Amino acid sequence: MQYQPSVPFASRRRLLGVSGAVLLASACGPTGGRSSGGDAKSEERVRKQSAGEAPDGALGVNFNEDPSDMSLGQVEALSTSWVRGFVPMTADLDAGDPARQRAVAKLLDAGGKNFRTILSLKFPFRDLKQSLPEAGSKEMEVQLRRVDRVLDAVLGKVDILTVGNEPFLETLEDERDRRLNVFYEHVAEHVIARRAKSVQGRGTRLYMGALNHLDREDGRTPATERWVAFVNRKPEIEGLDIHPHVDSLRAAGVYVQYVASRLERGKKFLATEFSLVLHWEKHMRDAVPAAYAEKYRVPRERRVWEEIGAALEKPFPQRRWDDFLAMSPWFASHKDYLTRQVGMFRDTGKLAVATYGVAQIRSMRTGWGPDKKPWILNPLYANRTVEGSGQAGRTSVWFDSFRALQGS
């Protein structure tokens, strides 16, 4: 079923919030319509993207921590001007120039070539098995020194800086309460103060991010409410980030409604990561489609994860990869996902920028097996599962939808 906007764009922009009923209806809406807003809206969005003004409903690409499989030529071919990545705030930043860290360097290069950029500061305490540092502690001083080094490299050069990547997932589980809020609020106040001292740096907009699992009851806690409340009361912070990796558009509707209904007038949200990866995950042990197995002479008992593994070992021709996805009901039934999801974001009138995965990065392949989360199916470029003569392959359905959304 095709997503259809519930109200004209001009009316949506005047909404102070959005009801859960409207978003859930959108997720299950009738076929037809496009969330375009007309040619005038398209031209305005493009003008704002290129002029450095506050973004409004923009769609860009995300490479996370690894830009090695993405070129700016590939980004340009997608007709977008927005690029997002994150930098881990770890000991690697204590020596050398942060501007040479691979994600930072790629974003600075992109900014120098008139792309617009988003950088998220990631604090991977869970992976490092470290507790959140307290204000005034030596551990906090270490974190703030790293923040300052990155700020010196990027303030006034990136368009948006997000304090935090996925704080609730990157913090030890038993510390995902007010202690998390206190730490990130302290860092945010530090960034605000540092930016205020830099005339050049004031051109970098600040967001807080990103909230996870808002479609689940256990993801909506007093700590997430405090997160939104902090954003609302700080005029220096323009909004917050969300990462709706979900198993359905209905779940995405719950996710978006939570944020849109709580953000006050003038505040916006980013969606720097989003996908149906939890839906793909449910089908990795399905058998490949019979028609596909017959066409490409593969064993009918082969599982989906095994066929993806075969493509990772020896990349398929573009036509075979397209057929594999198009003939798989669990994928083909969601071929309009990108169009509908971006439409849902834009329908709130509160989307600043959404960024979608651009390339199949190395970590998506590492340890491939039936229990590996299939991030590999999300990106616009299928550079590790499709063969090419110097050209990266594509996940055609996402690539075509993404380009069409640039004109909507």
Protein backbone atom coordinates (compact mmCIF):
# COMPACT_ATOMS: atom_id res chain seq x y z
CA MET A 1 0.00 0.00 0.00
CA GLN A 2 1.33 3.39 -0.94
CA TYR A 3 1.83 6.15 1.60
CA GLN A 4 -0.46 9.14 1.12
CA PRO A 5 -0.12 12.48 2.92
CA SER A 6 -3.02 13.25 5.18
CA VAL A 7 -3.04 17.04 4.71
CA PRO A 8 -1.47 19.51 2.25
CA PHE A 9 2.10 20.55 3.02
CA ALA A 10 1.20 24.19 3.59
CA SER A 11 -1.22 23.13 6.32
CA ARG A 12 1.24 20.65 7.81
CA ARG A 13 3.79 23.40 8.38
CA ARG A 14 1.37 25.18 10.71
CA LEU A 15 0.84 22.14 12.90
CA LEU A 16 2.35 22.41 16.38
CA GLY A 17 2.27 18.66 16.79
CA VAL A 18 0.98 15.53 15.18
CA SER A 19 -1.40 12.92 16.49
CA GLY A 20 -0.46 9.29 16.78
CA ALA A 21 -3.66 8.37 14.96
CA VAL A 22 -2.64 10.37 11.89
CA LEU A 23 0.84 8.85 11.74
CA LEU A 24 -0.43 5.33 12.24
CA ALA A 25 -3.04 5.89 9.56
CA SER A 26 -0.28 7.15 7.27
CA ALA A 27 1.72 3.99 7.88
CA CYS A 28 -1.22 1.88 6.77
CA GLY A 29 -2.74 4.35 4.29
CA PRO A 30 -4.28 3.73 0.89
CA THR A 31 -2.46 3.49 -2.39
CA GLY A 32 -1.84 6.69 -4.30
CA GLY A 33 -0.50 10.17 -3.78
CA ARG A 34 3.02 11.36 -3.07
CA SER A 35 4.42 13.42 -0.24
CA SER A 36 5.68 16.02 -2.64
CA GLY A 37 4.35 19.36 -1.52
CA GLY A 38 4.50 20.55 -5.16
CA ASP A 39 7.22 22.08 -7.27
CA ALA A 40 7.41 25.28 -5.22
CA LYS A 41 8.19 23.31 -2.09
CA SER A 42 10.82 21.26 -3.94
CA GLU A 43 12.55 24.37 -5.23
CA GLU A 44 12.51 25.96 -1.77
CA ARG A 45 14.06 22.86 -0.20
CA VAL A 46 16.84 22.74 -2.78
CA ARG A 47 17.50 26.46 -2.36
CA LYS A 48 17.80 26.11 1.41
CA GLN A 49 20.13 23.13 1.05
CA SER A 50 22.49 25.08 -1.16
CA ALA A 51 22.25 28.43 0.62
CA GLY A 52 23.20 27.27 4.11
CA GLU A 53 19.86 28.17 5.65
CA ALA A 54 18.09 26.05 8.27
CA PRO A 55 17.24 22.73 6.63
CA ASP A 56 13.58 21.82 6.18
CA GLY A 57 12.64 18.30 5.12
CA ALA A 58 15.99 17.56 3.45
CA LEU A 59 17.12 14.03 2.55
CA GLY A 60 20.80 13.09 2.53
CA VAL A 61 23.17 10.16 2.99
CA ASN A 62 24.82 8.63 6.04
CA PHE A 63 28.11 6.71 6.18
CA ASN A 64 28.28 6.28 9.98
CA GLU A 65 31.92 5.86 11.02
CA ASP A 66 33.28 4.46 7.76
CA PRO A 67 33.39 6.61 4.61
CA SER A 68 35.89 4.38 2.81
CA ASP A 69 33.26 2.90 0.45
CA MET A 70 31.67 6.25 -0.40
CA SER A 71 32.82 8.85 -2.88
CA LEU A 72 31.42 12.34 -3.22
CA GLY A 73 30.75 11.49 -6.86
CA GLN A 74 28.36 8.79 -5.64
CA VAL A 75 26.65 11.31 -3.39
CA GLU A 76 26.34 13.76 -6.25
CA ALA A 77 24.78 11.03 -8.44
CA LEU A 78 22.02 10.77 -5.83
CA SER A 79 21.16 14.48 -6.29
CA THR A 80 21.59 15.28 -2.60
CA SER A 81 23.82 17.80 -0.89
CA TRP A 82 23.71 16.36 2.68
CA VAL A 83 26.28 13.93 4.16
CA ARG A 84 26.39 12.59 7.73
CA GLY A 85 28.90 10.60 9.79
CA PHE A 86 29.99 10.14 13.39
CA VAL A 87 33.27 10.29 15.28
CA PRO A 88 33.96 8.09 18.35
CA MET A 89 35.20 10.13 21.31
CA THR A 90 37.99 7.72 22.25
CA ALA A 91 41.72 7.75 23.02
CA ASP A 92 42.42 7.85 19.28
CA LEU A 93 41.64 11.58 19.46
CA ASP A 94 44.27 12.26 22.13
CA ALA A 95 47.12 12.43 19.65
CA GLY A 96 47.31 13.74 16.11
CA ASP A 97 44.99 16.11 14.33
CA PRO A 98 41.25 15.28 14.73
CA ALA A 99 40.70 16.79 11.29
CA ARG A 100 42.53 13.74 9.91
CA GLN A 101 40.23 11.22 11.60
CA ARG A 102 38.54 9.48 8.67
CA ALA A 103 34.92 10.53 9.31
CA VAL A 104 35.88 14.09 10.20
CA ALA A 105 38.21 14.36 7.22
CA LYS A 106 35.52 13.13 4.81
CA LEU A 107 32.98 15.63 6.13
CA LEU A 108 35.45 18.51 5.99
CA ASP A 109 36.30 17.54 2.43
CA ALA A 110 32.61 17.39 1.56
CA GLY A 111 31.97 20.77 3.17
CA GLY A 112 34.81 22.26 1.16
CA LYS A 113 33.07 21.07 -1.99
CA ASN A 114 29.74 22.69 -1.13
CA PHE A 115 28.06 19.67 0.39
CA ARG A 116 26.25 20.21 3.68
CA THR A 117 27.38 18.09 6.59
CA ILE A 118 26.28 16.56 9.90
CA LEU A 119 28.73 15.22 12.49
CA SER A 120 27.62 13.22 15.54
CA LEU A 121 29.83 12.87 18.63
CA LYS A 122 29.76 9.25 19.76
CA PHE A 123 30.62 8.28 23.35
CA PRO A 124 30.98 4.45 23.25
CA PHE A 125 31.01 3.79 26.99
CA ARG A 126 29.23 0.42 26.69
CA ASP A 127 31.78 -0.99 24.24
CA LEU A 128 34.61 0.28 26.43
CA LYS A 129 32.86 -1.05 29.56
CA GLN A 130 33.19 2.37 31.18
CA SER A 131 30.82 4.18 33.49
CA LEU A 132 29.57 7.65 32.68
CA PRO A 133 32.02 10.21 34.11
CA GLU A 134 30.77 12.66 36.70
CA ALA A 135 31.03 16.42 36.29
CA GLY A 136 34.29 17.73 37.74
CA SER A 137 36.01 14.34 37.61
CA LYS A 138 39.29 13.64 35.83
CA GLU A 139 37.40 11.29 33.52
CA MET A 140 35.07 14.12 32.55
CA GLU A 141 38.03 16.39 31.88
CA VAL A 142 39.39 13.77 29.48
CA GLN A 143 36.09 13.62 27.60
CA LEU A 144 35.79 17.39 27.36
CA ARG A 145 39.35 17.73 26.07
CA ARG A 146 38.46 15.33 23.28
CA VAL A 147 35.29 17.27 22.56
CA ASP A 148 37.29 20.50 22.40
CA ARG A 149 39.79 19.03 19.97
CA VAL A 150 36.98 17.99 17.63
CA LEU A 151 35.24 21.35 18.03
CA ASP A 152 38.44 23.14 17.08
CA ALA A 153 38.48 21.13 13.86
CA VAL A 154 34.82 21.39 12.86
CA LEU A 155 33.05 24.42 14.35
CA GLY A 156 31.93 26.66 11.54
CA LYS A 157 32.84 23.96 9.02
CA VAL A 158 30.10 21.39 9.57
CA ASP A 159 26.50 22.53 9.27
CA ILE A 160 25.14 20.47 12.15
CA LEU A 161 26.85 18.99 15.22
CA THR A 162 24.92 16.41 17.21
CA VAL A 163 25.89 15.83 20.84
CA GLY A 164 25.64 12.06 21.13
CA ASN A 165 25.20 9.29 18.60
CA GLU A 166 22.98 6.67 20.29
CA PRO A 167 23.43 7.53 23.97
CA PHE A 168 20.94 5.04 25.36
CA LEU A 169 22.57 2.13 23.51
CA GLU A 170 26.12 3.34 24.06
CA THR A 171 25.81 3.61 27.85
CA LEU A 172 26.03 0.71 30.29
CA GLU A 173 22.55 -0.71 30.73
CA ASP A 174 22.23 0.07 34.44
CA GLU A 175 23.19 3.71 33.86
CA ARG A 176 20.48 4.58 31.32
CA ASP A 177 18.70 6.85 33.77
CA ARG A 178 19.18 10.41 35.06
CA ARG A 179 22.96 9.80 35.14
CA LEU A 180 22.90 9.61 31.35
CA ASN A 181 20.97 12.88 31.17
CA VAL A 182 23.37 14.62 33.55
CA PHE A 183 26.42 13.59 31.50
CA TYR A 184 25.03 14.59 28.10
CA GLU A 185 23.55 17.82 29.40
CA HIS A 186 26.95 18.72 30.85
CA VAL A 187 28.64 18.03 27.52
CA ALA A 188 25.98 19.99 25.66
CA GLU A 189 26.39 23.02 27.94
CA HIS A 190 30.14 22.83 27.34
CA VAL A 191 29.64 22.73 23.56
CA ILE A 192 27.21 25.64 23.72
CA ALA A 193 29.67 27.73 25.71
CA ARG A 194 32.54 26.84 23.41
CA ARG A 195 30.55 27.70 20.31
CA ALA A 196 29.49 31.04 21.80
CA LYS A 197 33.15 32.09 21.97
CA SER A 198 33.67 31.42 18.27
CA VAL A 199 32.23 33.84 15.73
CA GLN A 200 32.89 31.32 12.97
CA GLY A 201 31.49 28.46 15.04
CA ARG A 202 28.06 30.02 15.36
CA GLY A 203 27.34 28.82 11.83
CA THR A 204 27.20 25.25 13.16
CA ARG A 205 23.74 24.26 14.38
CA LEU A 206 23.43 22.06 17.48
CA TYR A 207 21.21 19.01 18.01
CA MET A 208 21.02 16.27 20.64
CA GLY A 209 20.95 12.70 19.53
CA ALA A 210 19.88 10.13 18.94
CA LEU A 211 16.93 8.41 20.62
CA ASN A 212 16.41 4.68 20.03
CA HIS A 213 13.56 2.17 20.41
CA LEU A 214 10.84 4.76 20.93
CA ASP A 215 8.38 2.33 19.34
CA ARG A 216 8.84 0.09 22.40
CA GLU A 217 7.45 0.77 25.82
CA ASP A 218 10.81 0.12 27.48
CA GLY A 219 12.38 2.72 25.18
CA ARG A 220 10.11 5.49 26.47
CA THR A 221 11.40 6.27 29.95
CA PRO A 222 11.74 9.25 32.31
CA ALA A 223 15.24 9.66 30.86
CA THR A 224 13.92 10.04 27.32
CA GLU A 225 11.29 12.52 28.53
CA ARG A 226 14.04 14.52 30.25
CA TRP A 227 16.08 14.37 27.02
CA VAL A 228 13.28 16.02 25.06
CA ALA A 229 12.60 18.53 27.86
CA PHE A 230 16.25 19.61 27.82
CA VAL A 231 16.10 20.20 24.07
CA ASN A 232 12.89 22.21 24.44
CA ARG A 233 14.27 24.55 27.10
CA LYS A 234 17.65 25.23 25.48
CA PRO A 235 17.33 27.90 22.76
CA GLU A 236 20.86 27.10 21.52
CA ILE A 237 19.80 23.53 20.62
CA GLU A 238 17.62 23.32 17.53
CA GLY A 239 16.25 19.84 18.07
CA LEU A 240 17.04 16.17 18.51
CA ASP A 241 18.01 13.16 16.44
CA ILE A 242 16.20 9.81 16.12
CA HIS A 243 17.27 6.43 14.72
CA PRO A 244 14.10 4.48 13.89
CA HIS A 245 15.39 1.07 12.87
CA VAL A 246 12.07 -0.79 13.00
CA ASP A 247 10.18 -3.86 11.80
CA SER A 248 7.22 -1.99 10.28
CA LEU A 249 5.95 1.42 9.28
CA ARG A 250 3.42 1.12 12.08
CA ALA A 251 6.29 0.97 14.57
CA ALA A 252 7.86 3.94 12.82
CA GLY A 253 4.60 5.84 13.28
CA VAL A 254 4.73 5.32 17.05
CA TYR A 255 8.37 6.38 17.02
CA VAL A 256 7.81 9.60 15.09
CA GLN A 257 4.64 10.50 16.98
CA TYR A 258 6.51 10.35 20.30
CA VAL A 259 9.01 12.96 19.14
CA ALA A 260 6.78 15.19 17.03
CA SER A 261 4.15 15.50 19.75
CA ARG A 262 6.71 16.55 22.36
CA LEU A 263 8.92 18.97 20.45
CA GLU A 264 7.82 22.54 21.02
CA ARG A 265 7.29 25.18 18.35
CA GLY A 266 10.50 25.97 16.47
CA LYS A 267 12.22 22.69 17.41
CA LYS A 268 12.92 20.08 14.74
CA PHE A 269 14.27 16.57 14.49
CA LEU A 270 16.91 14.76 12.49
CA ALA A 271 16.60 11.13 11.44
CA THR A 272 20.24 10.39 10.66
CA GLU A 273 19.64 6.62 10.59
CA PHE A 274 16.46 4.71 9.74
CA SER A 275 15.58 1.39 8.14
CA LEU A 276 13.46 -1.77 8.17
CA VAL A 277 16.42 -3.89 9.29
CA LEU A 278 14.38 -5.56 12.04
CA HIS A 279 11.92 -6.76 9.40
CA TRP A 280 14.67 -8.09 7.13
CA GLU A 281 16.15 -9.88 10.15
CA LYS A 282 13.01 -11.98 10.59
CA HIS A 283 13.42 -13.50 7.12
CA MET A 284 17.07 -14.50 7.01
CA ARG A 285 16.21 -18.18 7.51
CA ASP A 286 13.47 -18.19 4.85
CA ALA A 287 14.09 -20.30 1.75
CA VAL A 288 14.97 -18.34 -1.37
CA PRO A 289 11.95 -17.92 -3.70
CA ALA A 290 11.30 -20.96 -5.89
CA ALA A 291 11.13 -18.89 -9.08
CA TYR A 292 14.45 -17.28 -8.25
CA ALA A 293 16.06 -20.62 -7.43
CA GLU A 294 14.90 -22.00 -10.78
CA LYS A 295 16.02 -18.97 -12.78
CA TYR A 296 19.51 -18.89 -11.27
CA ARG A 297 19.92 -22.64 -10.69
CA VAL A 298 20.48 -22.47 -6.96
CA PRO A 299 19.32 -25.19 -4.53
CA ARG A 300 15.72 -24.65 -3.46
CA GLU A 301 16.66 -25.36 0.14
CA ARG A 302 19.10 -22.45 0.19
CA ARG A 303 18.28 -19.88 2.86
CA VAL A 304 18.13 -16.12 2.32
CA TRP A 305 21.18 -15.50 4.50
CA GLU A 306 23.14 -18.07 2.47
CA GLU A 307 22.27 -16.37 -0.82
CA ILE A 308 23.37 -13.00 0.55
CA GLY A 309 26.56 -14.69 1.74
CA ALA A 310 27.13 -16.01 -1.79
CA ALA A 311 26.81 -12.46 -3.12
CA LEU A 312 29.31 -11.26 -0.54
CA GLU A 313 31.79 -13.94 -1.58
CA LYS A 314 31.32 -13.40 -5.31
CA PRO A 315 29.26 -10.30 -6.14
CA PHE A 316 26.25 -10.87 -8.38
CA PRO A 317 25.46 -9.10 -11.65
CA GLN A 318 23.12 -6.17 -11.00
CA ARG A 319 20.17 -8.00 -12.60
CA ARG A 320 20.54 -11.02 -10.31
CA TRP A 321 20.71 -8.88 -7.17
CA ASP A 322 17.64 -6.95 -8.30
CA ASP A 323 15.79 -10.21 -9.04
CA PHE A 324 16.74 -11.71 -5.67
CA LEU A 325 15.13 -8.76 -3.87
CA ALA A 326 12.19 -8.32 -6.25
CA MET A 327 11.27 -12.02 -6.10
CA SER A 328 11.46 -12.15 -2.29
CA PRO A 329 7.99 -11.26 -0.94
CA TRP A 330 9.35 -10.08 2.42
CA PHE A 331 11.39 -7.42 0.58
CA ALA A 332 9.23 -6.67 -2.47
CA SER A 333 6.17 -5.95 -0.33
CA HIS A 334 8.13 -3.06 1.21
CA LYS A 335 9.65 -1.63 -1.96
CA ASP A 336 7.95 1.71 -1.25
CA TYR A 337 9.38 1.87 2.29
CA LEU A 338 11.78 4.74 1.66
CA THR A 339 9.10 6.87 -0.01
CA ARG A 340 6.60 6.25 2.77
CA GLN A 341 9.06 6.69 5.62
CA VAL A 342 10.43 10.00 4.36
CA GLY A 343 6.87 11.11 3.67
CA MET A 344 5.97 10.33 7.27
CA PHE A 345 8.91 12.39 8.54
CA ARG A 346 7.99 15.33 6.31
CA ASP A 347 4.32 15.14 7.21
CA THR A 348 5.12 16.26 10.76
CA GLY A 349 6.41 19.62 9.48
CA LYS A 350 9.27 19.17 11.96
CA LEU A 351 11.87 17.27 9.93
CA ALA A 352 15.13 19.13 9.43
CA VAL A 353 17.22 16.43 7.72
CA ALA A 354 16.92 12.66 7.28
CA THR A 355 19.97 10.71 6.10
CA TYR A 356 19.88 7.18 4.70
CA GLY A 357 22.67 4.61 4.54
CA VAL A 358 24.78 5.17 1.46
CA ALA A 359 27.14 2.18 1.09
CA GLN A 360 27.67 -1.39 2.29
CA ILE A 361 30.55 -0.76 4.69
CA ARG A 362 33.04 -3.40 5.82
CA SER A 363 31.42 -4.03 9.22
CA MET A 364 28.17 -5.08 7.52
CA ARG A 365 29.97 -8.06 6.03
CA THR A 366 32.22 -9.02 8.95
CA GLY A 367 31.05 -12.23 10.63
CA TRP A 368 28.25 -12.80 8.14
CA GLY A 369 25.84 -15.56 9.17
CA PRO A 370 22.17 -16.28 9.93
CA ASP A 371 22.25 -14.22 13.12
CA LYS A 372 24.10 -11.21 11.71
CA LYS A 373 21.80 -8.18 11.58
CA PRO A 374 21.29 -7.63 7.82
CA TRP A 375 22.35 -3.99 7.55
CA ILE A 376 23.74 -5.08 4.18
CA LEU A 377 20.23 -4.78 2.65
CA ASN A 378 19.72 -1.14 3.59
CA PRO A 379 22.23 0.96 1.61
CA LEU A 380 21.62 2.81 -1.63
CA TYR A 381 24.81 1.39 -3.17
CA ALA A 382 25.23 -2.40 -3.20
CA ASN A 383 28.98 -2.12 -3.54
CA ARG A 384 29.75 -5.44 -1.81
CA THR A 385 26.98 -7.63 -3.25
CA VAL A 386 26.90 -6.40 -6.87
CA GLU A 387 29.76 -6.67 -9.32
CA GLY A 388 30.87 -3.64 -11.27
CA SER A 389 33.46 -2.46 -13.74
CA GLY A 390 34.77 0.40 -11.65
CA GLN A 391 31.19 1.37 -10.77
CA ALA A 392 29.47 0.45 -7.53
CA GLY A 393 26.32 -1.60 -7.84
CA ARG A 394 23.03 -0.37 -6.47
CA THR A 395 20.07 -1.51 -4.46
CA SER A 396 17.98 -0.21 -7.33
CA VAL A 397 14.67 0.18 -5.51
CA TRP A 398 16.25 2.41 -2.83
CA PHE A 399 18.45 4.29 -5.29
CA ASP A 400 15.52 5.21 -7.53
CA SER A 401 13.23 6.12 -4.63
CA PHE A 402 15.92 8.29 -3.04
CA ARG A 403 16.48 10.27 -6.22
CA ALA A 404 12.75 10.74 -6.72
CA LEU A 405 12.43 12.08 -3.17
CA GLN A 406 14.94 14.83 -3.92
CA GLY A 407 12.33 16.35 -6.20
CA SER A 408 9.46 15.95 -3.76
